[in-house]
């Protein structure tokens, strides 16, 4: 469940009177601190940016080097979408292969 869904759920409970104002604020603060995410569902740092320093190649979700699996974990998107993006970049501009190889070399393993 995403952060927005959780916040909506506790707001509904608060409106129904199940949660007091104080309980609502405590749960809301706990959720926000526990699940730091930006509005679009992407993991984010304190400033709302992706934490690129957390990028690691996946050991579990890999076909070649685990780059797409690692990016998928960081962005909360499916890895097949990233594989499709890299394949399209390769087919259209040829840069997908170069970018993938560079990421494979410079991104540390999980």
Protein backbone atom coordinates (compact mmCIF):
# COMPACT_ATOMS: atom_id res chain seq x y z
CA UNK A 1 0.00 0.00 0.00
CA UNK A 2 1.41 3.41 -0.91
CA UNK A 3 1.89 6.28 1.50
CA UNK A 4 -0.98 8.20 -0.09
CA UNK A 5 -3.31 5.23 0.39
CA UNK A 6 -2.28 4.86 4.04
CA UNK A 7 -2.79 8.56 4.71
CA UNK A 8 -6.20 8.47 3.03
CA UNK A 9 -7.17 5.46 5.12
CA UNK A 10 -6.23 7.07 8.44
CA UNK A 11 -7.93 10.33 7.39
CA UNK A 12 -11.12 8.37 6.78
CA UNK A 13 -10.82 6.74 10.20
CA UNK A 14 -10.26 10.18 11.72
CA UNK A 15 -13.37 11.57 9.99
CA UNK A 16 -15.46 8.65 11.28
CA UNK A 17 -14.31 9.39 14.82
CA UNK A 18 -12.35 6.16 15.26
CA UNK A 19 -9.11 8.10 15.76
CA UNK A 20 -8.76 11.18 17.95
CA UNK A 21 -6.92 14.26 16.67
CA UNK A 22 -3.83 13.32 18.67
CA UNK A 23 -3.83 9.70 17.45
CA UNK A 24 -4.31 10.85 13.88
CA UNK A 25 -1.33 13.22 14.09
CA UNK A 26 0.88 10.56 15.70
CA UNK A 27 0.06 7.91 13.10
CA UNK A 28 0.47 10.41 10.27
CA UNK A 29 3.90 11.50 11.56
CA UNK A 30 4.97 7.87 12.00
CA UNK A 31 3.90 6.98 8.46
CA UNK A 32 5.67 9.96 6.94
CA UNK A 33 8.91 9.22 8.80
CA UNK A 34 8.73 5.48 8.21
CA UNK A 35 7.93 5.60 4.47
CA UNK A 36 9.79 8.59 2.98
CA UNK A 37 8.31 8.90 -0.51
CA UNK A 38 7.56 11.70 -2.87
CA UNK A 39 4.06 12.32 -4.20
CA UNK A 40 4.55 10.14 -7.28
CA UNK A 41 5.41 7.02 -5.29
CA UNK A 42 9.15 7.13 -5.91
CA UNK A 43 11.51 6.67 -2.99
CA UNK A 44 12.87 10.04 -2.03
CA UNK A 45 15.38 11.66 0.27
CA UNK A 46 14.67 14.50 2.64
CA UNK A 47 14.61 16.97 -0.25
CA UNK A 48 12.23 14.88 -2.38
CA UNK A 49 14.88 13.63 -4.83
CA UNK A 50 15.76 10.08 -5.74
CA UNK A 51 18.61 8.75 -3.63
CA UNK A 52 20.98 7.68 -6.40
CA UNK A 53 23.53 6.69 -3.77
CA UNK A 54 21.18 3.81 -2.86
CA UNK A 55 21.38 2.38 -6.39
CA UNK A 56 22.76 -1.16 -6.34
CA UNK A 57 22.72 -3.88 -8.98
CA UNK A 58 20.23 -6.58 -8.06
CA UNK A 59 21.34 -10.13 -7.37
CA UNK A 60 17.81 -11.51 -7.43
CA UNK A 61 16.27 -9.73 -10.42
CA UNK A 62 18.89 -9.95 -13.14
CA UNK A 63 19.30 -11.12 -16.70
CA UNK A 64 22.79 -9.80 -17.34
CA UNK A 65 24.25 -7.44 -14.79
CA UNK A 66 21.28 -6.68 -12.54
CA UNK A 67 21.17 -3.02 -13.55
CA UNK A 68 17.48 -2.97 -14.49
CA UNK A 69 16.53 -4.86 -11.33
CA UNK A 70 18.43 -2.35 -9.20
CA UNK A 71 16.86 0.64 -10.93
CA UNK A 72 13.44 -0.99 -10.61
CA UNK A 73 13.90 -1.39 -6.86
CA UNK A 74 14.97 2.25 -6.51
CA UNK A 75 12.07 3.63 -8.54
CA UNK A 76 9.36 1.15 -7.47
CA UNK A 77 8.70 0.24 -11.10
CA UNK A 78 8.80 -3.22 -12.62
CA UNK A 79 12.19 -4.30 -13.97
CA UNK A 80 10.69 -5.35 -17.33
CA UNK A 81 9.77 -1.69 -17.91
CA UNK A 82 13.42 -0.69 -17.44
CA UNK A 83 14.56 -3.49 -19.73
CA UNK A 84 12.14 -2.20 -22.35
CA UNK A 85 13.46 1.34 -21.91
CA UNK A 86 17.07 0.22 -22.35
CA UNK A 87 16.12 -1.88 -25.40
CA UNK A 88 14.28 1.07 -26.97
CA UNK A 89 17.24 3.36 -26.29
CA UNK A 90 19.51 0.80 -27.94
CA UNK A 91 17.25 0.42 -30.97
CA UNK A 92 16.61 4.13 -31.46
CA UNK A 93 19.89 5.79 -30.57
CA UNK A 94 22.31 3.05 -29.62
CA UNK A 95 22.94 4.75 -26.31
CA UNK A 96 21.08 2.14 -24.26
CA UNK A 97 23.87 -0.40 -24.58
CA UNK A 98 26.54 2.15 -23.64
CA UNK A 99 24.54 3.39 -20.66
CA UNK A 100 23.82 -0.16 -19.48
CA UNK A 101 27.51 -1.13 -19.70
CA UNK A 102 28.57 2.00 -17.80
CA UNK A 103 26.01 1.31 -15.08
CA UNK A 104 27.11 -2.32 -14.95
CA UNK A 105 30.71 -1.20 -14.38
CA UNK A 106 30.17 1.69 -11.96
CA UNK A 107 27.13 0.67 -9.89
CA UNK A 108 28.12 -1.59 -6.99
CA UNK A 109 26.58 -5.02 -6.57
CA UNK A 110 23.94 -5.68 -3.93
